[in-house]
Amino acid sequence: MYKKALIRLLLIAFINFTAGCSSFHSVSISEYKQVEEEEGKPIEIYVKTKANQWYHFTNSNFYIENDTLYGKGELLLNDEEEIINTKIALSDIESMGVKGTNWITSSYLGIGIFFTLLGVIAIIWIFSKILSN
C-alpha cells in the first residue's frame, strides 16, 4: 500500500516538475525582441492590437520582418476564426503575450509537494502502527 502511495507521490512531483509553472505575460514589441534574442523564438504568442483585436499564433507559424508581424493563426472572437497570411504592422500592436516558464518555482513546488506528501504518508504509517498495537 505504501509503495503505491510513494509511487503516486513521485509521479505527481515529476509531472509538476516537467510541466513547470508557466504563465503568459504581456510584453511590448521591444521587450518581445529582447525575449526572442535571449530565449529564442516562443512556440506561441497572443497579440493584442490597438483596435482591441486578439490574435493567437502557435507552432511558430509567425515571424517579424522589418516593421510587420506575419503569420498564420487565429483571430479570437466569439468563434475562433483561422486566418492565413496575416500581416499586422508593429505600430498597430498594443501588446504581445509570451509564455514563460519559471523552473525555479516549479522545482521548489515539486520538492515541496513531494516532502509534504511524504510527511503525510509517514504520519499515517506511524499512527497505523500505534493503533495496531
N, C-alpha and C. Protein backbone atom coordinates (compact mmCIF):
# COMPACT_ATOMS: atom_id res chain seq x y z
N MET A 1 0.83 -1.20 0.00
CA MET A 1 0.00 0.00 0.00
C MET A 1 0.87 1.26 0.00
N TYR A 2 1.92 1.26 0.84
CA TYR A 2 2.76 2.44 0.94
C TYR A 2 3.62 2.62 -0.30
N LYS A 3 3.96 1.50 -0.95
CA LYS A 3 4.74 1.59 -2.18
C LYS A 3 3.92 2.28 -3.27
N LYS A 4 2.64 1.95 -3.35
CA LYS A 4 1.77 2.59 -4.34
C LYS A 4 1.64 4.07 -4.05
N ALA A 5 1.48 4.41 -2.78
CA ALA A 5 1.35 5.83 -2.41
C ALA A 5 2.63 6.59 -2.73
N LEU A 6 3.78 5.97 -2.46
CA LEU A 6 5.05 6.62 -2.76
C LEU A 6 5.24 6.80 -4.27
N ILE A 7 4.85 5.81 -5.04
CA ILE A 7 4.95 5.92 -6.50
C ILE A 7 4.04 7.03 -7.00
N ARG A 8 2.84 7.12 -6.47
CA ARG A 8 1.92 8.21 -6.86
C ARG A 8 2.50 9.56 -6.49
N LEU A 9 3.09 9.64 -5.32
CA LEU A 9 3.73 10.87 -4.86
C LEU A 9 4.85 11.29 -5.81
N LEU A 10 5.70 10.35 -6.16
CA LEU A 10 6.79 10.65 -7.09
C LEU A 10 6.26 11.06 -8.45
N LEU A 11 5.20 10.42 -8.90
CA LEU A 11 4.60 10.75 -10.19
C LEU A 11 4.05 12.17 -10.19
N ILE A 12 3.36 12.56 -9.12
CA ILE A 12 2.82 13.92 -9.02
C ILE A 12 3.96 14.95 -9.03
N ALA A 13 5.01 14.70 -8.25
CA ALA A 13 6.14 15.62 -8.21
C ALA A 13 6.83 15.71 -9.57
N PHE A 14 6.98 14.57 -10.25
CA PHE A 14 7.63 14.56 -11.56
C PHE A 14 6.81 15.31 -12.60
N ILE A 15 5.50 15.10 -12.61
CA ILE A 15 4.63 15.80 -13.57
C ILE A 15 4.69 17.30 -13.32
N ASN A 16 4.66 17.71 -12.08
CA ASN A 16 4.76 19.14 -11.77
C ASN A 16 6.09 19.71 -12.24
N PHE A 17 7.17 18.96 -12.03
CA PHE A 17 8.48 19.46 -12.44
C PHE A 17 8.59 19.58 -13.95
N THR A 18 8.10 18.57 -14.68
CA THR A 18 8.23 18.61 -16.14
C THR A 18 7.27 19.62 -16.77
N ALA A 19 6.08 19.78 -16.19
CA ALA A 19 5.13 20.74 -16.76
C ALA A 19 5.57 22.16 -16.45
N GLY A 20 6.16 22.35 -15.32
CA GLY A 20 6.66 23.66 -14.94
C GLY A 20 5.55 24.63 -14.57
N CYS A 21 5.93 25.69 -13.92
CA CYS A 21 5.00 26.76 -13.59
C CYS A 21 5.06 27.74 -14.75
N SER A 22 4.12 27.66 -15.63
CA SER A 22 4.16 28.52 -16.81
C SER A 22 3.02 29.52 -16.76
N SER A 23 3.26 30.65 -17.41
CA SER A 23 2.24 31.68 -17.47
C SER A 23 2.51 32.55 -18.69
N PHE A 24 1.51 33.28 -19.10
CA PHE A 24 1.68 34.24 -20.17
C PHE A 24 1.85 35.61 -19.55
N HIS A 25 2.80 36.35 -20.05
CA HIS A 25 2.97 37.71 -19.57
C HIS A 25 3.02 38.65 -20.77
N SER A 26 2.49 39.82 -20.56
CA SER A 26 2.39 40.81 -21.62
C SER A 26 3.72 41.54 -21.77
N VAL A 27 4.14 41.70 -23.02
CA VAL A 27 5.38 42.42 -23.30
C VAL A 27 5.15 43.40 -24.44
N SER A 28 5.96 44.43 -24.47
CA SER A 28 5.93 45.37 -25.60
C SER A 28 6.74 44.78 -26.74
N ILE A 29 6.72 45.44 -27.87
CA ILE A 29 7.46 44.95 -29.04
C ILE A 29 8.95 44.89 -28.75
N SER A 30 9.51 45.92 -28.13
CA SER A 30 10.95 45.90 -27.83
C SER A 30 11.28 44.81 -26.82
N GLU A 31 10.40 44.60 -25.84
CA GLU A 31 10.63 43.52 -24.87
C GLU A 31 10.54 42.16 -25.56
N TYR A 32 9.60 42.02 -26.51
CA TYR A 32 9.48 40.76 -27.25
C TYR A 32 10.77 40.47 -28.01
N LYS A 33 11.30 41.47 -28.67
CA LYS A 33 12.54 41.27 -29.43
C LYS A 33 13.67 40.84 -28.51
N GLN A 34 13.71 41.40 -27.29
CA GLN A 34 14.73 41.03 -26.33
C GLN A 34 14.52 39.58 -25.88
N VAL A 35 13.28 39.18 -25.63
CA VAL A 35 12.98 37.80 -25.24
C VAL A 35 13.39 36.85 -26.35
N GLU A 36 13.08 37.22 -27.60
CA GLU A 36 13.42 36.37 -28.74
C GLU A 36 14.93 36.20 -28.87
N GLU A 37 15.68 37.27 -28.60
CA GLU A 37 17.14 37.19 -28.68
C GLU A 37 17.72 36.34 -27.55
N GLU A 38 17.19 36.52 -26.33
CA GLU A 38 17.77 35.84 -25.17
C GLU A 38 17.31 34.39 -25.04
N GLU A 39 16.03 34.13 -25.27
CA GLU A 39 15.47 32.81 -25.02
C GLU A 39 15.11 32.05 -26.28
N GLY A 40 15.16 32.70 -27.42
CA GLY A 40 14.74 32.06 -28.66
C GLY A 40 13.29 32.38 -28.96
N LYS A 41 12.87 32.04 -30.16
CA LYS A 41 11.52 32.33 -30.59
C LYS A 41 10.51 31.50 -29.80
N PRO A 42 9.49 32.14 -29.22
CA PRO A 42 8.49 31.38 -28.47
C PRO A 42 7.65 30.49 -29.39
N ILE A 43 7.11 29.43 -28.82
CA ILE A 43 6.28 28.49 -29.59
C ILE A 43 4.93 29.12 -29.91
N GLU A 44 4.42 29.91 -28.97
CA GLU A 44 3.13 30.56 -29.23
C GLU A 44 3.11 31.95 -28.61
N ILE A 45 2.30 32.82 -29.22
CA ILE A 45 2.13 34.18 -28.71
C ILE A 45 0.67 34.60 -28.88
N TYR A 46 0.27 35.55 -28.06
CA TYR A 46 -1.01 36.24 -28.22
C TYR A 46 -0.67 37.68 -28.56
N VAL A 47 -1.42 38.25 -29.49
CA VAL A 47 -1.19 39.62 -29.92
C VAL A 47 -2.47 40.42 -29.73
N LYS A 48 -2.35 41.57 -29.07
CA LYS A 48 -3.49 42.48 -28.92
C LYS A 48 -3.17 43.74 -29.71
N THR A 49 -4.07 44.08 -30.64
CA THR A 49 -3.86 45.27 -31.45
C THR A 49 -4.50 46.47 -30.78
N LYS A 50 -4.16 47.64 -31.27
CA LYS A 50 -4.75 48.87 -30.75
C LYS A 50 -6.24 48.96 -31.07
N ALA A 51 -6.70 48.18 -32.06
CA ALA A 51 -8.12 48.12 -32.41
C ALA A 51 -8.85 47.10 -31.53
N ASN A 52 -8.16 46.62 -30.46
CA ASN A 52 -8.72 45.69 -29.48
C ASN A 52 -9.07 44.33 -30.10
N GLN A 53 -8.28 43.87 -31.06
CA GLN A 53 -8.45 42.54 -31.62
C GLN A 53 -7.35 41.65 -31.05
N TRP A 54 -7.71 40.42 -30.76
CA TRP A 54 -6.77 39.46 -30.20
C TRP A 54 -6.46 38.37 -31.24
N TYR A 55 -5.19 38.10 -31.42
CA TYR A 55 -4.73 37.05 -32.32
C TYR A 55 -3.92 36.03 -31.53
N HIS A 56 -3.98 34.79 -31.97
CA HIS A 56 -3.22 33.73 -31.33
C HIS A 56 -2.44 32.99 -32.42
N PHE A 57 -1.13 32.97 -32.26
CA PHE A 57 -0.26 32.29 -33.20
C PHE A 57 0.45 31.15 -32.48
N THR A 58 0.40 29.94 -33.06
CA THR A 58 1.02 28.78 -32.42
C THR A 58 2.00 28.09 -33.36
N ASN A 59 2.71 27.14 -32.80
CA ASN A 59 3.64 26.30 -33.55
C ASN A 59 4.63 27.11 -34.37
N SER A 60 5.00 28.24 -33.87
CA SER A 60 5.97 29.12 -34.54
C SER A 60 5.54 29.49 -35.96
N ASN A 61 4.23 29.58 -36.20
CA ASN A 61 3.72 29.98 -37.51
C ASN A 61 3.65 31.50 -37.63
N PHE A 62 4.69 32.18 -37.19
CA PHE A 62 4.73 33.64 -37.26
C PHE A 62 6.19 34.09 -37.30
N TYR A 63 6.39 35.27 -37.81
CA TYR A 63 7.72 35.86 -37.81
C TYR A 63 7.58 37.37 -37.96
N ILE A 64 8.60 38.07 -37.52
CA ILE A 64 8.63 39.53 -37.64
C ILE A 64 9.70 39.88 -38.66
N GLU A 65 9.29 40.67 -39.63
CA GLU A 65 10.22 41.13 -40.65
C GLU A 65 10.01 42.63 -40.83
N ASN A 66 11.09 43.37 -40.70
CA ASN A 66 11.06 44.84 -40.77
C ASN A 66 10.09 45.38 -39.72
N ASP A 67 8.99 45.97 -40.13
CA ASP A 67 8.05 46.56 -39.17
C ASP A 67 6.69 45.87 -39.19
N THR A 68 6.67 44.56 -39.55
CA THR A 68 5.40 43.84 -39.68
C THR A 68 5.52 42.44 -39.09
N LEU A 69 4.42 42.01 -38.47
CA LEU A 69 4.30 40.63 -37.98
C LEU A 69 3.51 39.85 -39.02
N TYR A 70 4.07 38.75 -39.49
CA TYR A 70 3.42 37.89 -40.47
C TYR A 70 3.14 36.55 -39.79
N GLY A 71 2.04 35.92 -40.20
CA GLY A 71 1.81 34.60 -39.65
C GLY A 71 0.47 34.00 -40.00
N LYS A 72 0.33 32.76 -39.56
CA LYS A 72 -0.91 32.02 -39.69
C LYS A 72 -1.38 31.72 -38.27
N GLY A 73 -2.59 32.13 -37.94
CA GLY A 73 -3.07 31.93 -36.58
C GLY A 73 -4.57 32.02 -36.50
N GLU A 74 -5.05 32.48 -35.36
CA GLU A 74 -6.49 32.60 -35.14
C GLU A 74 -6.81 34.00 -34.66
N LEU A 75 -7.91 34.52 -35.16
CA LEU A 75 -8.47 35.76 -34.67
C LEU A 75 -9.44 35.37 -33.58
N LEU A 76 -9.20 35.79 -32.35
CA LEU A 76 -10.01 35.36 -31.23
C LEU A 76 -11.22 36.27 -31.07
N LEU A 77 -12.35 35.76 -31.45
CA LEU A 77 -13.63 36.43 -31.28
C LEU A 77 -14.52 35.48 -30.51
N ASN A 78 -15.83 35.60 -30.67
CA ASN A 78 -16.73 34.63 -30.06
C ASN A 78 -16.45 33.24 -30.60
N ASP A 79 -16.22 33.13 -31.90
CA ASP A 79 -15.80 31.89 -32.52
C ASP A 79 -14.39 32.12 -33.04
N GLU A 80 -13.51 31.17 -32.74
CA GLU A 80 -12.15 31.33 -33.22
C GLU A 80 -12.12 31.15 -34.72
N GLU A 81 -11.59 32.13 -35.39
CA GLU A 81 -11.55 32.13 -36.85
C GLU A 81 -10.10 31.98 -37.29
N GLU A 82 -9.82 30.94 -38.05
CA GLU A 82 -8.46 30.73 -38.54
C GLU A 82 -8.18 31.74 -39.63
N ILE A 83 -7.03 32.34 -39.53
CA ILE A 83 -6.63 33.33 -40.54
C ILE A 83 -5.28 32.90 -41.12
N ILE A 84 -5.17 33.09 -42.40
CA ILE A 84 -3.94 32.71 -43.10
C ILE A 84 -3.33 33.98 -43.68
N ASN A 85 -2.03 34.02 -43.69
CA ASN A 85 -1.29 35.16 -44.25
C ASN A 85 -1.67 36.47 -43.59
N THR A 86 -1.63 36.50 -42.29
CA THR A 86 -1.92 37.71 -41.53
C THR A 86 -0.73 38.65 -41.57
N LYS A 87 -1.03 39.91 -41.73
CA LYS A 87 0.00 40.94 -41.67
C LYS A 87 -0.48 41.99 -40.67
N ILE A 88 0.30 42.21 -39.62
CA ILE A 88 -0.03 43.22 -38.62
C ILE A 88 1.17 44.14 -38.48
N ALA A 89 0.95 45.41 -38.71
CA ALA A 89 2.03 46.37 -38.54
C ALA A 89 2.40 46.45 -37.05
N LEU A 90 3.69 46.48 -36.75
CA LEU A 90 4.12 46.54 -35.36
C LEU A 90 3.59 47.79 -34.65
N SER A 91 3.39 48.85 -35.41
CA SER A 91 2.86 50.07 -34.81
C SER A 91 1.40 49.91 -34.39
N ASP A 92 0.69 48.90 -34.94
CA ASP A 92 -0.70 48.63 -34.57
C ASP A 92 -0.83 47.66 -33.40
N ILE A 93 0.28 47.12 -32.93
CA ILE A 93 0.25 46.15 -31.84
C ILE A 93 0.37 46.87 -30.50
N GLU A 94 -0.60 46.61 -29.63
CA GLU A 94 -0.56 47.20 -28.29
C GLU A 94 0.34 46.38 -27.37
N SER A 95 0.16 45.05 -27.38
CA SER A 95 1.00 44.18 -26.56
C SER A 95 1.00 42.78 -27.13
N MET A 96 1.98 42.01 -26.66
CA MET A 96 2.09 40.61 -27.05
C MET A 96 2.18 39.78 -25.78
N GLY A 97 1.52 38.63 -25.79
CA GLY A 97 1.59 37.71 -24.65
C GLY A 97 2.54 36.59 -24.98
N VAL A 98 3.54 36.43 -24.14
CA VAL A 98 4.57 35.42 -24.35
C VAL A 98 4.53 34.45 -23.19
N LYS A 99 4.61 33.17 -23.51
CA LYS A 99 4.60 32.14 -22.48
C LYS A 99 5.97 32.06 -21.84
N GLY A 100 5.98 32.06 -20.51
CA GLY A 100 7.23 31.93 -19.78
C GLY A 100 7.12 30.81 -18.76
N THR A 101 8.22 30.13 -18.51
CA THR A 101 8.25 29.06 -17.53
C THR A 101 9.27 29.41 -16.46
N ASN A 102 8.85 29.32 -15.21
CA ASN A 102 9.74 29.59 -14.10
C ASN A 102 10.18 28.26 -13.51
N TRP A 103 11.37 27.78 -13.91
CA TRP A 103 11.83 26.46 -13.47
C TRP A 103 12.20 26.45 -12.00
N ILE A 104 12.61 27.57 -11.45
CA ILE A 104 12.96 27.61 -10.02
C ILE A 104 11.71 27.39 -9.18
N THR A 105 10.66 28.15 -9.47
CA THR A 105 9.41 27.97 -8.74
C THR A 105 8.87 26.57 -8.93
N SER A 106 8.95 26.07 -10.13
CA SER A 106 8.46 24.73 -10.42
C SER A 106 9.23 23.69 -9.62
N SER A 107 10.54 23.84 -9.53
CA SER A 107 11.36 22.89 -8.78
C SER A 107 11.01 22.92 -7.30
N TYR A 108 10.91 24.14 -6.74
CA TYR A 108 10.56 24.25 -5.32
C TYR A 108 9.17 23.68 -5.05
N LEU A 109 8.24 23.94 -5.95
CA LEU A 109 6.89 23.42 -5.77
C LEU A 109 6.88 21.90 -5.85
N GLY A 110 7.61 21.33 -6.79
CA GLY A 110 7.69 19.87 -6.91
C GLY A 110 8.31 19.24 -5.68
N ILE A 111 9.40 19.83 -5.19
CA ILE A 111 10.06 19.31 -4.00
C ILE A 111 9.14 19.47 -2.78
N GLY A 112 8.46 20.61 -2.70
CA GLY A 112 7.53 20.85 -1.58
C GLY A 112 6.39 19.85 -1.57
N ILE A 113 5.81 19.59 -2.74
CA ILE A 113 4.72 18.61 -2.83
C ILE A 113 5.24 17.23 -2.42
N PHE A 114 6.42 16.87 -2.89
CA PHE A 114 6.99 15.56 -2.58
C PHE A 114 7.15 15.38 -1.07
N PHE A 115 7.80 16.33 -0.41
CA PHE A 115 8.05 16.18 1.03
C PHE A 115 6.79 16.32 1.87
N THR A 116 5.85 17.14 1.43
CA THR A 116 4.58 17.24 2.15
C THR A 116 3.83 15.92 2.11
N LEU A 117 3.71 15.36 0.92
CA LEU A 117 3.01 14.08 0.80
C LEU A 117 3.78 12.95 1.48
N LEU A 118 5.10 12.99 1.45
CA LEU A 118 5.91 12.01 2.14
C LEU A 118 5.67 12.10 3.66
N GLY A 119 5.58 13.32 4.17
CA GLY A 119 5.27 13.51 5.59
C GLY A 119 3.90 12.97 5.97
N VAL A 120 2.92 13.21 5.11
CA VAL A 120 1.56 12.69 5.36
C VAL A 120 1.58 11.17 5.39
N ILE A 121 2.28 10.56 4.46
CA ILE A 121 2.38 9.09 4.42
C ILE A 121 3.07 8.58 5.68
N ALA A 122 4.13 9.26 6.12
CA ALA A 122 4.85 8.84 7.33
C ALA A 122 3.95 8.94 8.56
N ILE A 123 3.18 10.01 8.66
CA ILE A 123 2.27 10.19 9.80
C ILE A 123 1.20 9.10 9.80
N ILE A 124 0.64 8.82 8.65
CA ILE A 124 -0.37 7.75 8.56
C ILE A 124 0.24 6.41 8.94
N TRP A 125 1.44 6.14 8.48
CA TRP A 125 2.13 4.88 8.81
C TRP A 125 2.39 4.77 10.30
N ILE A 126 2.86 5.86 10.92
CA ILE A 126 3.13 5.85 12.36
C ILE A 126 1.85 5.63 13.16
N PHE A 127 0.76 6.34 12.81
CA PHE A 127 -0.50 6.15 13.53
C PHE A 127 -1.06 4.75 13.32
N SER A 128 -0.88 4.19 12.12
CA SER A 128 -1.38 2.83 11.89
C SER A 128 -0.62 1.82 12.74
N LYS A 129 0.68 2.04 12.96
CA LYS A 129 1.49 1.16 13.82
C LYS A 129 1.07 1.31 15.28
N ILE A 130 0.81 2.56 15.71
CA ILE A 130 0.40 2.82 17.08
C ILE A 130 -0.96 2.19 17.37
N LEU A 131 -1.88 2.37 16.43
CA LEU A 131 -3.25 1.86 16.63
C LEU A 131 -3.32 0.33 16.53
N SER A 132 -2.39 -0.27 15.79
CA SER A 132 -2.42 -1.73 15.65
C SER A 132 -1.86 -2.43 16.89
N ASN A 133 -1.12 -1.71 17.74
CA ASN A 133 -0.57 -2.29 18.98
C ASN A 133 -1.53 -2.22 20.07
